Protein backbone atom coordinates (compact mmCIF):
# COMPACT_ATOMS: atom_id res chain seq x y z
CA UNK A 1 37.51 -151.93 -16.95
CA UNK A 2 34.42 -151.86 -15.00
CA UNK A 3 35.81 -149.45 -12.77
CA UNK A 4 36.99 -147.23 -15.18
CA UNK A 5 33.45 -147.41 -16.90
CA UNK A 6 31.89 -146.62 -13.55
CA UNK A 7 34.23 -143.70 -12.95
CA UNK A 8 33.22 -142.64 -16.60
CA UNK A 9 29.61 -143.17 -15.51
CA UNK A 10 30.11 -140.79 -12.64
CA UNK A 11 31.68 -138.24 -14.78
CA UNK A 12 28.67 -138.69 -17.24
CA UNK A 13 26.24 -138.24 -14.03
CA UNK A 14 28.06 -135.43 -12.96
CA UNK A 15 28.36 -133.47 -16.39
CA UNK A 16 24.87 -134.70 -17.74
CA UNK A 17 23.34 -135.03 -14.21
CA UNK A 18 21.88 -138.39 -14.93
CA UNK A 19 21.07 -141.58 -13.20
CA UNK A 20 18.80 -144.09 -12.78
CA UNK A 21 17.15 -146.34 -10.29
CA UNK A 22 14.82 -148.70 -8.32
CA UNK A 23 12.02 -147.80 -6.31
CA UNK A 24 9.56 -148.66 -3.60
CA UNK A 25 5.78 -147.92 -3.28
CA UNK A 26 5.28 -146.15 -0.15
CA UNK A 27 3.44 -142.89 0.23
CA UNK A 28 5.60 -140.93 2.81
CA UNK A 29 6.81 -137.55 1.33
CA UNK A 30 10.27 -136.52 2.40
CA UNK A 31 11.49 -132.91 2.33
CA UNK A 32 14.87 -131.61 1.43
CA UNK A 33 15.13 -129.38 4.67
CA UNK A 34 14.54 -132.13 7.17
CA UNK A 35 16.70 -134.58 5.32
CA UNK A 36 19.62 -132.08 5.03
CA UNK A 37 19.43 -131.27 8.84
CA UNK A 38 19.39 -134.83 9.82
CA UNK A 39 22.45 -135.48 7.40
CA UNK A 40 24.35 -132.37 8.77
CA UNK A 41 23.73 -133.72 12.38
CA UNK A 42 25.45 -136.96 11.27
CA UNK A 43 28.48 -135.16 9.97
CA UNK A 44 27.71 -135.34 6.17
CA UNK A 45 28.17 -132.09 4.03
CA UNK A 46 24.80 -131.74 2.31
CA UNK A 47 24.43 -128.85 0.29
CA UNK A 48 21.52 -127.62 -1.75
CA UNK A 49 22.10 -127.69 -5.54
CA UNK A 50 20.56 -126.61 -8.77
CA UNK A 51 20.15 -129.08 -11.55
CA UNK A 52 18.43 -128.08 -14.60
CA UNK A 53 18.38 -131.55 -16.13
CA UNK A 54 16.76 -133.33 -13.14
CA UNK A 55 15.38 -130.42 -11.22
CA UNK A 56 13.11 -132.04 -8.89
CA UNK A 57 10.03 -130.17 -7.70
CA UNK A 58 11.17 -130.39 -4.02
CA UNK A 59 14.71 -129.63 -4.57
CA UNK A 60 18.28 -131.20 -5.00
CA UNK A 61 20.59 -132.16 -2.51
CA UNK A 62 24.53 -133.09 -2.90
CA UNK A 63 25.79 -135.35 -0.10
CA UNK A 64 29.62 -135.68 0.34
CA UNK A 65 30.46 -139.19 1.34
CA UNK A 66 33.96 -138.71 1.17
CA UNK A 67 36.52 -135.89 1.62
CA UNK A 68 39.74 -136.83 -0.51
CA UNK A 69 40.83 -133.38 -0.82
CA UNK A 70 42.93 -131.26 -3.52
CA UNK A 71 43.88 -132.89 -6.68
CA UNK A 72 47.52 -132.47 -5.31
CA UNK A 73 47.02 -135.82 -3.24
CA UNK A 74 46.66 -137.38 -6.71
CA UNK A 75 49.12 -136.13 -8.86
CA UNK A 76 48.84 -138.95 -11.60
CA UNK A 77 45.30 -138.01 -12.33
CA UNK A 78 44.70 -136.86 -15.90
CA UNK A 79 43.17 -133.29 -16.15
CA UNK A 80 39.43 -133.58 -16.45
CA UNK A 81 38.87 -136.99 -14.54
CA UNK A 82 36.02 -137.30 -12.12
CA UNK A 83 36.80 -135.98 -8.51
CA UNK A 84 38.19 -138.61 -6.34
CA UNK A 85 35.63 -137.19 -3.80
CA UNK A 86 32.33 -139.39 -3.44
CA UNK A 87 28.77 -138.00 -3.47
CA UNK A 88 25.28 -138.84 -3.55
CA UNK A 89 22.64 -136.63 -5.16
CA UNK A 90 19.08 -136.53 -4.14
CA UNK A 91 16.48 -135.46 -6.12
CA UNK A 92 13.39 -134.58 -4.04
CA UNK A 93 9.96 -134.29 -6.02
CA UNK A 94 6.32 -133.64 -4.58
CA UNK A 95 5.19 -137.20 -5.14
CA UNK A 96 6.26 -140.77 -5.72
CA UNK A 97 4.96 -141.01 -9.51
CA UNK A 98 6.97 -137.57 -10.14
CA UNK A 99 10.21 -139.23 -8.54
CA UNK A 100 9.55 -142.16 -10.92
CA UNK A 101 9.31 -139.77 -13.82
CA UNK A 102 12.79 -138.56 -12.69
CA UNK A 103 14.19 -141.62 -12.38
CA UNK A 104 13.11 -142.43 -16.11
CA UNK A 105 14.33 -139.21 -17.39
CA UNK A 106 17.87 -139.79 -15.58
CA UNK A 107 18.11 -143.15 -17.17
CA UNK A 108 17.66 -141.92 -20.56
CA UNK A 109 20.22 -139.06 -20.13
CA UNK A 110 22.65 -141.55 -18.57
CA UNK A 111 22.37 -143.85 -21.52
CA UNK A 112 22.74 -140.87 -23.85
CA UNK A 113 25.72 -139.45 -22.42
CA UNK A 114 27.46 -143.05 -22.14
CA UNK A 115 26.54 -143.61 -25.53
CA UNK A 116 28.15 -140.24 -26.62
CA UNK A 117 31.23 -141.33 -25.03
CA UNK A 118 31.27 -144.78 -26.67
CA UNK A 119 30.68 -146.53 -23.63
CA UNK A 120 28.32 -149.48 -22.92
CA UNK A 121 26.70 -150.35 -19.68
CA UNK A 122 23.42 -152.42 -18.85
CA UNK A 123 20.76 -150.90 -17.16
CA UNK A 124 21.67 -153.47 -13.99
CA UNK A 125 25.04 -151.92 -14.00
CA UNK A 126 23.60 -148.33 -13.76
CA UNK A 127 20.86 -149.25 -11.14
CA UNK A 128 23.89 -150.17 -8.79
CA UNK A 129 24.66 -146.65 -7.93
CA UNK A 130 20.85 -145.45 -7.71
CA UNK A 131 17.69 -145.85 -5.71
CA UNK A 132 14.13 -144.38 -5.62
CA UNK A 133 12.56 -144.18 -2.16
CA UNK A 134 9.09 -142.97 -2.29
CA UNK A 135 9.57 -139.27 -3.49
CA UNK A 136 13.19 -139.29 -3.43
CA UNK A 137 15.50 -140.40 -6.45
CA UNK A 138 19.02 -140.55 -5.67
CA UNK A 139 22.15 -141.63 -7.26
CA UNK A 140 26.18 -141.76 -6.83
CA UNK A 141 28.31 -140.11 -9.17
CA UNK A 142 30.81 -142.72 -8.78
CA UNK A 143 28.67 -145.84 -9.66
CA UNK A 144 28.15 -148.49 -7.05
CA UNK A 145 27.02 -146.98 -3.52
CA UNK A 146 28.00 -149.13 -0.68
CA UNK A 147 25.37 -150.65 1.32
CA UNK A 148 26.67 -148.92 4.43
CA UNK A 149 26.75 -145.60 2.87
CA UNK A 150 23.12 -146.20 1.18
CA UNK A 151 21.95 -147.07 4.88
CA UNK A 152 23.50 -143.68 6.36
CA UNK A 153 22.00 -141.65 3.75
CA UNK A 154 18.64 -143.29 3.57
CA UNK A 155 18.20 -143.46 7.54
CA UNK A 156 18.33 -139.36 7.19
CA UNK A 157 15.44 -139.41 4.90
CA UNK A 158 12.54 -137.22 7.05
């Protein structure tokens, strides 16, 4: 049930572009272009995306963690189900305070989306798939982000 709820959360995040996170109090300002370059050098597909719900004053980046491929590989997947591919979304803001505001907005959107779908999750469950590092808010569309994957992505913040 929790895996289903996390999948629904992923769908809610992907559709409503919502999420939430925890933060750090540093003063370093990371940029989308330098981070994207590092991620690509490390073999990740990293694409600039437009997000009207969480626009980020420094832009938005979508990073593919896995590449499962076409839906033909999963013929029993119901239509409209979230993609089995795993992504992390990074929202770059100009300041840590702006990133914190993005996190709060994302939390609100996530809860509204889940409530509209008749699902209930705690803040702790939502926080398992998100993070906040200085001026970057990030979230996973599939729920919990493995520590190894989080480390790979965060090591490329530049």
